[in-house]
Amino acid sequence: MDLTFTTAPLRLDPLAPVFAGERVRLRLAPALSRRIGAGRRVVERVLKEGRTVYGVNTGFGKLSNVRIGEGELGLLQVNLLRSHACGVGRPLPTATVRALLVLRVRALATGRSGVRPELVAKLIELLDADVIPVVPSQGSVGASGDLAPLAHLALALIGEGEVEHAGKRMPAAKALAAAGIAPIVLAAKEGLSLINGTQVTTALTAEALLRAENVARHADVACALTIEALKGTNRAFDPRIQEARPHPGQRVAAANLHGLMKGSAILASHQDCDRVQDPYSMRCAPQVHGACRDQLAEARRVVEIEIDAATDNPLVFAEEGEILSGGNFHAQPVAAAADRVAAAVTDLASICERRVENLVNPDLNFGLPAFLTPQPGLRSGLMIAQVVAAALVSECKALSFPASVDSIPTSANKEDHVSMGPIAARKALQIVENAERVVGIELLAAAQALDFETKLETTKPLRAAHAALRKRVAKLDDDRILAPDLEAAAELVRTGALVAAARKAGAKIL
């Protein structure tokens, strides 16, 4: 994909293909290049005047009182990258690091970091050639920037560390040579500018958020299928009920559910039955799904501010010719947003699992066979699929404790309060992955239950979603190994396939 950065605000949606794994060709509008150059001229003026400025000609953190000589400023930046490149753990996925590079360019393009335009151009060269640094996932506390992981990212620019290129992991120097990219020689402040930022926390949170929004849409489809299979009602989704308590997310979820079920022959067949109210997991779906949506909307607001923000320290203000030290590298706003995503999606997965229980439990499913198998006893059907959903939800609950309320002082107590943002974001991503599987299990169970209805049809959008699922997963007549089915259903959720099918059939799913 092609992406051009301009002075207009950058929103999250244009970055979604990058998070999904697409390669990107990135360009900067001339106005941004001029902005970067103006910031650099301030740094060079400070050096020429012999002023002492943190990060430009001093040590870092606790060593900020050490003045560095002019002839050693470049070495200072290289030493900074090498000493801080001590990340550990499993490397971040290639697509995530690709998005991380994009966000790093965006931050530097604010012109507040004081780097040279050629440094930003070199980052874009890496993207164009798809030379993607290997970045360990652990080791940042989310303050003073995501220092350790961003140091691994920056090492590639000087031909050090490891990268992925042409499908292989290799030394950065070898990949740069193969791509025809010359390593850059760092100038004053540039090493610090490369690692002082919240982009690891932000990239991981943005990915979790995009996937969570997709999960929320699929949860509405799954819920509608479940209600149809259990011969529930859509009366609780009447717009008048939502207007009496007009939370935005509740209104959207209710509209989705009401629209998906409108005109159903199954629904019409039991409108005058003696059942008064459905279980909360169906009747209160707009309130629970909607609360999740509202939390995700707030997280999106935070993330979209952050991807356009200057998160370096010190910051350069070319308009006044000043360099100011501050704390924009502290990831607390994004860390709190990641924890918000984690809590919201945990509850969404929880209500989905309760609907699975209603589908498979013969005491609750209104005449459907136990565990949705034609011959219960000889066959176990979807018995253990519900157990898997329960296990995933329990894991989500354990992971949902907010990381952003924790802090451990670092750097000889100079950095005495930190955000733990990358931890919050990684946990949120794991919770979203679990939720994708739980929603997939509900879709499997609801589709299986609907297959027992042979006389009446559900709506066209729900039939389309059901058909899209059946293209990947056959009806469960005899017991079989279900693990591949569960993975296939989760993949359909991840890719947005079932929402896409329902929309193509006329559903207006927001």
Protein backbone atom coordinates (compact mmCIF):
# COMPACT_ATOMS: atom_id res chain seq x y z
CA MET A 1 0.00 0.00 0.00
CA ASP A 2 1.02 3.62 -0.54
CA LEU A 3 0.78 6.07 2.34
CA THR A 4 1.63 9.77 2.27
CA PHE A 5 2.03 11.72 5.48
CA THR A 6 0.85 15.31 5.35
CA THR A 7 0.23 18.00 7.96
CA ALA A 8 -3.37 16.74 8.27
CA PRO A 9 -4.14 14.56 11.30
CA LEU A 10 -3.41 10.85 10.88
CA ARG A 11 -6.18 8.50 11.87
CA LEU A 12 -5.98 4.84 12.78
CA ASP A 13 -8.01 3.33 9.95
CA PRO A 14 -5.52 4.08 7.14
CA LEU A 15 -2.93 2.12 9.13
CA ALA A 16 -5.12 -0.99 9.46
CA PRO A 17 -3.66 -2.70 6.35
CA VAL A 18 -0.16 -2.30 7.79
CA PHE A 19 -1.17 -4.00 11.04
CA ALA A 20 -2.79 -6.71 8.92
CA GLY A 21 0.56 -7.44 7.27
CA GLU A 22 0.68 -5.34 4.10
CA ARG A 23 3.95 -3.84 2.98
CA VAL A 24 3.92 -0.05 2.82
CA ARG A 25 5.50 2.60 0.64
CA LEU A 26 5.68 5.73 2.77
CA ARG A 27 6.16 9.31 1.55
CA LEU A 28 6.37 12.67 3.33
CA ALA A 29 4.72 15.83 2.04
CA PRO A 30 7.28 18.63 1.43
CA ALA A 31 5.80 20.62 4.33
CA LEU A 32 6.81 17.86 6.75
CA SER A 33 10.35 17.72 5.38
CA ARG A 34 10.61 21.47 5.90
CA ARG A 35 9.30 21.07 9.45
CA ILE A 36 11.92 18.44 10.24
CA GLY A 37 14.67 20.64 8.80
CA ALA A 38 13.57 23.62 10.87
CA GLY A 39 13.80 21.56 14.05
CA ARG A 40 17.28 20.34 13.16
CA ARG A 41 18.55 23.86 12.60
CA VAL A 42 17.67 24.72 16.20
CA VAL A 43 19.80 21.80 17.46
CA GLU A 44 22.72 22.85 15.29
CA ARG A 45 22.45 26.43 16.52
CA VAL A 46 22.55 25.24 20.14
CA LEU A 47 25.72 23.26 19.41
CA LYS A 48 27.33 26.18 17.63
CA GLU A 49 26.59 28.46 20.57
CA GLY A 50 28.11 25.95 23.02
CA ARG A 51 25.01 25.71 25.20
CA THR A 52 24.49 22.66 27.42
CA VAL A 53 21.23 20.91 26.57
CA TYR A 54 20.09 17.53 27.85
CA GLY A 55 20.33 14.80 25.26
CA VAL A 56 22.21 16.99 22.82
CA ASN A 57 25.58 17.23 24.53
CA THR A 58 25.03 15.53 27.90
CA GLY A 59 24.75 12.00 29.24
CA PHE A 60 21.35 10.43 29.84
CA GLY A 61 19.12 9.74 32.82
CA LYS A 62 21.15 9.81 36.03
CA LEU A 63 24.20 10.80 33.93
CA SER A 64 22.56 13.94 32.55
CA ASN A 65 24.98 16.13 34.51
CA VAL A 66 27.95 14.84 32.47
CA ARG A 67 28.91 17.21 29.62
CA ILE A 68 30.06 15.48 26.43
CA GLY A 69 32.72 16.98 24.18
CA GLU A 70 31.89 18.00 20.62
CA GLY A 71 34.10 15.32 19.09
CA GLU A 72 32.25 12.55 20.93
CA LEU A 73 28.64 13.49 20.24
CA GLY A 74 28.24 10.92 17.46
CA LEU A 75 29.80 8.16 19.56
CA LEU A 76 27.48 9.14 22.41
CA GLN A 77 24.47 8.37 20.21
CA VAL A 78 25.87 5.03 19.01
CA ASN A 79 26.74 4.02 22.58
CA LEU A 80 23.20 4.91 23.59
CA LEU A 81 21.69 2.52 21.04
CA ARG A 82 24.09 -0.29 21.88
CA SER A 83 23.71 0.00 25.63
CA HIS A 84 19.92 0.22 25.48
CA ALA A 85 19.46 -2.67 23.03
CA CYS A 86 18.90 -5.21 25.78
CA GLY A 87 15.35 -6.31 25.02
CA VAL A 88 14.40 -9.90 25.76
CA GLY A 89 11.66 -12.35 24.94
CA ARG A 90 9.89 -13.36 21.76
CA PRO A 91 10.33 -10.87 18.91
CA LEU A 92 7.37 -8.75 17.92
CA PRO A 93 5.62 -9.96 14.74
CA THR A 94 6.95 -8.54 11.49
CA ALA A 95 3.68 -6.73 10.74
CA THR A 96 3.75 -5.07 14.15
CA VAL A 97 7.33 -3.84 13.64
CA ARG A 98 6.42 -2.57 10.17
CA ALA A 99 3.63 -0.54 11.78
CA LEU A 100 6.05 0.54 14.50
CA LEU A 101 8.40 1.96 11.85
CA VAL A 102 5.50 3.87 10.32
CA LEU A 103 4.58 5.36 13.71
CA ARG A 104 8.22 6.22 14.40
CA VAL A 105 8.43 8.17 11.14
CA ARG A 106 5.20 9.95 11.99
CA ALA A 107 6.52 11.03 15.39
CA LEU A 108 9.80 12.32 13.97
CA ALA A 109 7.90 14.13 11.22
CA THR A 110 6.43 16.48 13.82
CA GLY A 111 9.77 18.28 13.66
CA ARG A 112 9.93 18.34 17.46
CA SER A 113 12.78 15.84 17.76
CA GLY A 114 15.52 17.83 16.07
CA VAL A 115 16.77 15.03 13.81
CA ARG A 116 18.03 15.55 10.28
CA PRO A 117 15.65 14.96 7.36
CA GLU A 118 18.06 12.31 6.07
CA LEU A 119 17.52 10.22 9.22
CA VAL A 120 13.78 10.13 8.59
CA ALA A 121 14.45 9.35 4.93
CA LYS A 122 16.60 6.41 6.01
CA LEU A 123 13.73 4.97 8.09
CA ILE A 124 11.52 5.26 5.01
CA GLU A 125 14.18 3.46 2.98
CA LEU A 126 13.97 0.54 5.40
CA LEU A 127 10.21 0.40 4.91
CA ASP A 128 10.43 0.65 1.13
CA ALA A 129 12.96 -2.19 1.01
CA ASP A 130 11.05 -4.15 3.68
CA VAL A 131 14.08 -4.40 5.91
CA ILE A 132 12.30 -4.94 9.21
CA PRO A 133 14.29 -4.88 12.48
CA VAL A 134 13.98 -7.78 14.90
CA VAL A 135 12.54 -6.21 18.05
CA PRO A 136 12.25 -8.21 21.30
CA SER A 137 8.87 -7.77 22.95
CA GLN A 138 9.97 -7.41 26.57
CA GLY A 139 12.15 -4.98 28.46
CA SER A 140 10.36 -1.62 28.41
CA VAL A 141 8.59 -0.03 31.37
CA GLY A 142 6.95 2.55 29.14
CA ALA A 143 8.63 5.72 30.35
CA SER A 144 11.61 7.66 29.07
CA GLY A 145 10.24 6.06 25.96
CA ASP A 146 10.08 2.39 25.04
CA LEU A 147 13.84 2.44 25.28
CA ALA A 148 15.00 -1.16 24.87
CA PRO A 149 12.73 -2.21 21.99
CA LEU A 150 13.19 1.08 20.15
CA ALA A 151 16.97 0.71 20.48
CA HIS A 152 16.74 -2.61 18.62
CA LEU A 153 14.64 -0.86 15.98
CA ALA A 154 17.18 1.96 15.62
CA LEU A 155 20.24 -0.32 15.41
CA ALA A 156 19.29 -1.32 11.87
CA LEU A 157 19.90 2.25 10.71
CA ILE A 158 23.57 2.01 11.62
CA GLY A 159 23.94 -1.52 10.27
CA GLU A 160 23.86 -3.31 13.61
CA GLY A 161 21.50 -5.81 15.22
CA GLU A 162 19.26 -8.20 13.30
CA VAL A 163 16.49 -7.73 10.75
CA GLU A 164 14.03 -9.71 8.68
CA HIS A 165 14.47 -9.32 4.93
CA ALA A 166 13.31 -11.40 1.97
CA GLY A 167 11.74 -13.88 4.37
CA LYS A 168 14.93 -14.48 6.36
CA ARG A 169 16.40 -13.30 9.64
CA MET A 170 19.90 -11.94 9.15
CA PRO A 171 22.43 -9.37 10.40
CA ALA A 172 21.33 -5.83 9.59
CA ALA A 173 24.59 -5.07 7.79
CA LYS A 174 23.98 -7.94 5.35
CA ALA A 175 20.38 -6.88 4.69
CA LEU A 176 21.31 -3.24 4.13
CA ALA A 177 23.98 -4.27 1.65
CA ALA A 178 21.53 -6.53 -0.20
CA ALA A 179 18.96 -3.72 -0.36
CA GLY A 180 21.53 -1.12 -1.43
CA ILE A 181 21.03 0.98 1.70
CA ALA A 182 24.03 2.70 3.28
CA PRO A 183 24.09 2.77 7.11
CA ILE A 184 23.64 6.21 8.55
CA VAL A 185 26.17 8.00 10.77
CA LEU A 186 24.27 9.43 13.70
CA ALA A 187 24.58 13.09 14.61
CA ALA A 188 23.94 14.83 17.93
CA LYS A 189 20.63 13.93 19.62
CA GLU A 190 19.56 11.48 16.93
CA GLY A 191 20.10 8.28 18.90
CA LEU A 192 18.07 9.69 21.78
CA SER A 193 15.32 10.83 19.43
CA LEU A 194 15.10 7.34 17.96
CA ILE A 195 14.50 5.60 21.29
CA ASN A 196 12.63 8.28 23.27
CA GLY A 197 9.02 7.64 22.35
CA THR A 198 5.89 5.65 23.07
CA GLN A 199 5.60 3.98 19.69
CA VAL A 200 5.95 0.37 20.90
CA THR A 201 3.16 0.86 23.43
CA THR A 202 1.13 2.74 20.82
CA ALA A 203 1.63 0.21 18.02
CA LEU A 204 0.62 -2.73 20.21
CA THR A 205 -2.37 -0.86 21.62
CA ALA A 206 -3.47 0.25 18.15
CA GLU A 207 -3.31 -3.34 16.89
CA ALA A 208 -5.28 -4.59 19.89
CA LEU A 209 -7.85 -1.84 19.38
CA LEU A 210 -8.39 -2.52 15.67
CA ARG A 211 -8.83 -6.21 16.33
CA ALA A 212 -11.10 -5.54 19.32
CA GLU A 213 -13.41 -3.35 17.23
CA ASN A 214 -13.68 -6.18 14.73
CA VAL A 215 -14.42 -8.67 17.52
CA ALA A 216 -17.22 -6.42 18.79
CA ARG A 217 -18.89 -6.42 15.37
CA HIS A 218 -18.63 -10.20 15.10
CA ALA A 219 -20.02 -10.59 18.62
CA ASP A 220 -23.17 -8.83 17.42
CA VAL A 221 -23.49 -11.30 14.53
CA ALA A 222 -22.84 -14.25 16.84
CA CYS A 223 -25.42 -12.99 19.33
CA ALA A 224 -28.08 -12.57 16.65
CA LEU A 225 -27.45 -16.11 15.40
CA THR A 226 -27.69 -17.43 18.96
CA ILE A 227 -30.97 -15.66 19.66
CA GLU A 228 -32.42 -17.04 16.44
CA ALA A 229 -31.24 -20.56 17.26
CA LEU A 230 -32.73 -20.36 20.76
CA LYS A 231 -35.93 -18.74 19.49
CA GLY A 232 -35.40 -15.60 21.49
CA THR A 233 -36.80 -12.16 20.79
CA ASN A 234 -35.44 -8.89 19.46
CA ARG A 235 -37.92 -6.80 21.47
CA ALA A 236 -35.18 -5.75 23.90
CA PHE A 237 -33.41 -4.13 20.95
CA ASP A 238 -36.25 -1.74 20.17
CA PRO A 239 -34.79 1.74 19.53
CA ARG A 240 -37.11 3.29 22.11
CA ILE A 241 -35.46 1.29 24.87
CA GLN A 242 -32.03 2.51 23.81
CA GLU A 243 -33.16 6.15 23.58
CA ALA A 244 -34.30 5.89 27.19
CA ARG A 245 -30.65 5.28 28.09
CA PRO A 246 -28.74 6.73 25.14
CA HIS A 247 -25.22 5.44 25.53
CA PRO A 248 -23.71 5.54 22.02
CA GLY A 249 -22.34 2.01 22.04
CA GLN A 250 -25.59 0.56 23.35
CA ARG A 251 -27.54 2.24 20.55
CA VAL A 252 -25.15 0.88 17.90
CA ALA A 253 -25.16 -2.68 19.26
CA ALA A 254 -28.95 -2.70 19.57
CA ALA A 255 -29.33 -1.36 16.02
CA ASN A 256 -27.00 -4.06 14.72
CA LEU A 257 -28.92 -6.81 16.50
CA HIS A 258 -32.34 -5.47 15.59
CA GLY A 259 -31.34 -5.06 11.96
CA LEU A 260 -29.76 -8.50 11.68
CA MET A 261 -32.95 -10.18 12.93
CA LYS A 262 -35.53 -7.98 11.20
CA GLY A 263 -37.87 -9.99 9.00
CA SER A 264 -36.85 -13.39 10.33
CA ALA A 265 -39.34 -16.20 9.77
CA ILE A 266 -37.98 -17.91 12.88
CA LEU A 267 -38.60 -14.79 14.94
CA ALA A 268 -42.13 -14.41 13.58
CA SER A 269 -42.99 -18.02 14.39
CA HIS A 270 -42.84 -17.59 18.16
CA GLN A 271 -43.82 -13.96 18.78
CA ASP A 272 -46.92 -15.05 20.72
CA CYS A 273 -45.28 -17.77 22.81
CA ASP A 274 -45.42 -17.73 26.62
CA ARG A 275 -41.73 -16.93 27.14
CA VAL A 276 -41.55 -13.45 28.64
CA GLN A 277 -37.85 -12.64 28.81
CA ASP A 278 -34.59 -14.05 27.50
CA PRO A 279 -31.51 -14.62 29.68
CA TYR A 280 -29.37 -11.55 30.31
CA SER A 281 -26.66 -12.76 27.94
CA MET A 282 -29.15 -12.22 25.10
CA ARG A 283 -31.53 -9.57 26.43
CA CYS A 284 -28.77 -7.34 27.80
CA ALA A 285 -26.42 -7.78 24.84
CA PRO A 286 -26.79 -4.12 23.75
CA GLN A 287 -25.86 -2.93 27.22
CA VAL A 288 -22.80 -5.19 27.51
CA HIS A 289 -21.65 -5.10 23.89
CA GLY A 290 -22.36 -1.37 23.90
CA ALA A 291 -20.30 -0.71 27.02
CA CYS A 292 -17.40 -2.48 25.32
CA ARG A 293 -17.83 -0.31 22.24
CA ASP A 294 -17.83 2.87 24.34
CA GLN A 295 -14.60 1.84 26.05
CA LEU A 296 -13.02 1.06 22.69
CA ALA A 297 -14.13 4.46 21.38
CA GLU A 298 -12.36 6.19 24.25
CA ALA A 299 -9.24 4.10 23.64
CA ARG A 300 -9.34 5.09 19.96
CA ARG A 301 -9.48 8.77 20.94
CA VAL A 302 -6.32 8.35 22.99
CA VAL A 303 -4.47 6.30 20.37
CA GLU A 304 -5.27 8.74 17.57
CA ILE A 305 -3.91 11.63 19.63
CA GLU A 306 -0.77 9.62 20.36
CA ILE A 307 0.03 8.59 16.78
CA ASP A 308 0.16 12.29 15.84
CA ALA A 309 2.10 13.37 18.93
CA ALA A 310 5.69 14.33 19.63
CA THR A 311 6.86 11.95 22.37
CA ASP A 312 10.58 12.71 22.41
CA ASN A 313 12.57 14.51 25.11
CA PRO A 314 13.78 17.17 24.93
CA LEU A 315 11.45 18.69 22.35
CA VAL A 316 12.47 21.28 19.79
CA PHE A 317 10.22 24.27 19.12
CA ALA A 318 11.56 25.84 15.95
CA GLU A 319 9.01 28.66 16.11
CA GLU A 320 10.68 30.08 19.21
CA GLY A 321 14.10 28.53 18.70
CA GLU A 322 13.84 26.71 22.03
CA ILE A 323 14.58 23.20 23.28
CA LEU A 324 12.49 22.16 26.29
CA SER A 325 12.75 19.10 28.50
CA GLY A 326 9.48 17.48 29.53
CA GLY A 327 7.77 14.13 29.94
CA ASN A 328 5.90 13.33 26.72
CA PHE A 329 7.76 10.01 26.59
CA HIS A 330 5.67 8.77 29.53
CA ALA A 331 3.16 6.29 28.10
CA GLN A 332 0.55 6.51 30.87
CA PRO A 333 -2.28 7.75 28.59
CA VAL A 334 -1.79 4.86 26.17
CA ALA A 335 -1.14 2.34 28.95
CA ALA A 336 -4.47 3.25 30.53
CA ALA A 337 -6.14 2.95 27.11
CA ALA A 338 -4.65 -0.53 26.63
CA ASP A 339 -5.98 -1.58 30.03
CA ARG A 340 -9.36 -0.16 29.03
CA VAL A 341 -9.35 -2.36 25.91
CA ALA A 342 -8.35 -5.38 27.99
CA ALA A 343 -11.18 -4.97 30.49
CA ALA A 344 -13.82 -4.23 27.85
CA VAL A 345 -12.94 -7.20 25.65
CA THR A 346 -12.74 -9.53 28.66
CA ASP A 347 -16.36 -8.78 29.50
CA LEU A 348 -17.39 -9.16 25.85
CA ALA A 349 -15.79 -12.62 25.77
CA SER A 350 -17.51 -13.45 29.06
CA ILE A 351 -21.01 -12.75 27.77
CA CYS A 352 -20.29 -14.68 24.56
CA GLU A 353 -19.27 -17.73 26.59
CA ARG A 354 -22.54 -17.54 28.55
CA ARG A 355 -24.47 -17.68 25.30
CA VAL A 356 -22.46 -20.75 24.28
CA GLU A 357 -23.57 -22.39 27.53
CA ASN A 358 -27.19 -21.55 26.71
CA LEU A 359 -26.77 -23.20 23.31
CA VAL A 360 -25.18 -26.47 24.44
CA ASN A 361 -26.85 -27.05 27.83
CA PRO A 362 -30.03 -29.17 27.42
CA ASP A 363 -31.51 -27.56 30.54
CA LEU A 364 -31.29 -24.14 28.84
CA ASN A 365 -31.52 -24.61 25.07
CA PHE A 366 -35.28 -25.11 24.68
CA GLY A 367 -35.41 -28.54 23.08
CA LEU A 368 -32.19 -28.63 21.14
CA PRO A 369 -30.14 -31.80 21.66
CA ALA A 370 -27.54 -31.81 24.43
CA PHE A 371 -24.27 -30.30 23.25
CA LEU A 372 -25.83 -29.87 19.81
CA THR A 373 -25.08 -33.40 18.63
CA PRO A 374 -27.63 -35.70 16.96
CA GLN A 375 -26.96 -38.57 19.37
CA PRO A 376 -25.91 -37.26 22.81
CA GLY A 377 -24.12 -39.82 24.91
CA LEU A 378 -22.56 -41.74 22.08
CA ARG A 379 -21.34 -38.39 20.82
CA SER A 380 -20.10 -35.40 22.86
CA GLY A 381 -20.66 -32.75 20.19
CA LEU A 382 -19.65 -29.27 21.31
CA MET A 383 -19.29 -30.16 25.01
CA ILE A 384 -15.59 -29.38 25.19
CA ALA A 385 -15.81 -26.39 22.86
CA GLN A 386 -17.72 -24.68 25.67
CA VAL A 387 -14.99 -25.76 28.11
CA VAL A 388 -12.40 -24.16 25.83
CA ALA A 389 -14.42 -20.93 25.79
CA ALA A 390 -14.61 -21.00 29.59
CA ALA A 391 -10.85 -21.54 29.86
CA LEU A 392 -10.13 -18.64 27.49
CA VAL A 393 -12.46 -16.30 29.37
CA SER A 394 -10.86 -17.22 32.69
CA GLU A 395 -7.46 -16.49 31.20
CA CYS A 396 -8.74 -13.13 29.98
CA LYS A 397 -9.91 -12.31 33.49
CA ALA A 398 -6.50 -13.15 34.94
CA LEU A 399 -4.80 -10.99 32.30
CA SER A 400 -7.18 -8.05 32.68
CA PHE A 401 -5.69 -6.68 35.91
CA PRO A 402 -4.44 -3.22 34.83
CA ALA A 403 -0.70 -3.00 34.29
CA SER A 404 -0.87 0.81 34.23
CA VAL A 405 -1.46 1.00 37.99
CA ASP A 406 1.97 -0.53 38.61
CA SER A 407 5.30 1.29 38.78
CA ILE A 408 8.86 0.32 39.68
CA PRO A 409 11.47 3.11 39.86
CA THR A 410 14.32 2.84 37.35
CA SER A 411 17.55 4.63 36.38
CA ALA A 412 18.80 5.22 39.92
CA ASN A 413 15.36 6.61 40.88
CA LYS A 414 15.59 9.38 38.28
CA GLU A 415 12.69 7.66 36.55
CA ASP A 416 10.69 7.12 39.72
CA HIS A 417 7.27 6.55 38.15
CA VAL A 418 6.74 4.54 34.97
CA SER A 419 3.69 3.41 32.98
CA MET A 420 4.28 -0.28 32.19
CA GLY A 421 2.59 0.56 28.88
CA PRO A 422 4.06 -2.24 26.73
CA ILE A 423 2.95 -4.80 29.31
CA ALA A 424 -0.58 -3.39 29.28
CA ALA A 425 -0.62 -3.45 25.48
CA ARG A 426 0.73 -7.00 25.16
CA LYS A 427 -1.86 -8.24 27.64
CA ALA A 428 -4.61 -6.47 25.72
CA LEU A 429 -3.49 -8.18 22.51
CA GLN A 430 -3.56 -11.60 24.16
CA ILE A 431 -7.03 -10.93 25.52
CA VAL A 432 -8.27 -9.88 22.08
CA GLU A 433 -6.79 -13.05 20.55
CA ASN A 434 -8.61 -15.12 23.17
CA ALA A 435 -11.84 -13.23 22.48
CA GLU A 436 -11.54 -13.90 18.75
CA ARG A 437 -11.57 -17.60 19.60
CA VAL A 438 -14.46 -17.31 22.05
CA VAL A 439 -16.60 -15.44 19.51
CA GLY A 440 -15.60 -18.06 16.95
CA ILE A 441 -16.86 -20.79 19.30
CA GLU A 442 -20.19 -18.98 19.74
CA LEU A 443 -20.52 -18.72 15.96
CA LEU A 444 -19.84 -22.46 15.60
CA ALA A 445 -22.38 -23.34 18.27
CA ALA A 446 -25.04 -20.96 16.94
CA ALA A 447 -24.59 -22.24 13.38
CA GLN A 448 -24.81 -25.84 14.60
CA ALA A 449 -27.98 -25.03 16.53
CA LEU A 450 -29.55 -23.32 13.52
CA ASP A 451 -28.85 -26.42 11.44
CA PHE A 452 -31.47 -28.24 13.54
CA GLU A 453 -34.10 -25.76 12.31
CA THR A 454 -35.29 -27.33 9.05
CA LYS A 455 -38.64 -25.60 8.46
CA LEU A 456 -38.03 -21.88 8.94
CA GLU A 457 -35.33 -19.52 7.68
CA THR A 458 -33.46 -16.78 9.45
CA THR A 459 -32.74 -13.45 7.74
CA LYS A 460 -30.70 -13.05 4.57
CA PRO A 461 -27.70 -11.44 6.36
CA LEU A 462 -27.61 -14.18 9.01
CA ARG A 463 -27.97 -16.87 6.35
CA ALA A 464 -25.00 -15.29 4.55
CA ALA A 465 -22.89 -15.32 7.72
CA HIS A 466 -23.91 -18.94 8.36
CA ALA A 467 -23.01 -19.90 4.78
CA ALA A 468 -19.62 -18.19 5.04
CA LEU A 469 -18.89 -20.21 8.17
CA ARG A 470 -20.03 -23.44 6.54
CA LYS A 471 -17.62 -22.89 3.65
CA ARG A 472 -14.80 -23.40 6.16
CA VAL A 473 -16.39 -25.62 8.81
CA ALA A 474 -18.83 -28.44 8.03
CA LYS A 475 -21.85 -29.24 10.16
CA LEU A 476 -20.94 -31.49 13.10
CA ASP A 477 -22.82 -34.77 12.55
CA ASP A 478 -20.25 -37.19 13.97
CA ASP A 479 -17.64 -36.38 16.57
CA ARG A 480 -14.35 -35.28 15.03
CA ILE A 481 -11.21 -33.45 16.08
CA LEU A 482 -12.55 -29.94 16.70
CA ALA A 483 -9.30 -28.00 17.13
CA PRO A 484 -9.05 -27.18 13.38
CA ASP A 485 -12.70 -26.06 13.38
CA LEU A 486 -12.10 -23.72 16.31
CA GLU A 487 -9.04 -22.23 14.60
CA ALA A 488 -10.94 -21.80 11.33
CA ALA A 489 -13.77 -20.00 13.10
CA ALA A 490 -11.32 -17.72 14.92
CA GLU A 491 -9.62 -16.94 11.61
CA LEU A 492 -12.98 -16.00 10.07
CA VAL A 493 -13.46 -13.57 12.95
CA ARG A 494 -9.92 -12.18 12.64
CA THR A 495 -10.29 -11.51 8.93
CA GLY A 496 -13.72 -9.92 9.29
CA ALA A 497 -15.24 -12.49 6.93
CA LEU A 498 -18.59 -13.06 8.60
CA VAL A 499 -19.38 -9.38 9.10
CA ALA A 500 -18.39 -8.83 5.47
CA ALA A 501 -20.77 -11.60 4.36
CA ALA A 502 -23.66 -10.16 6.40
CA ARG A 503 -23.00 -6.67 5.03
CA LYS A 504 -22.92 -7.97 1.47
CA ALA A 505 -26.34 -9.49 2.11
CA GLY A 506 -27.71 -6.12 3.21
CA ALA A 507 -26.90 -5.77 6.89
CA LYS A 508 -25.85 -2.35 8.15
CA ILE A 509 -23.34 -3.38 10.80
CA LEU A 510 -21.47 -0.54 12.47
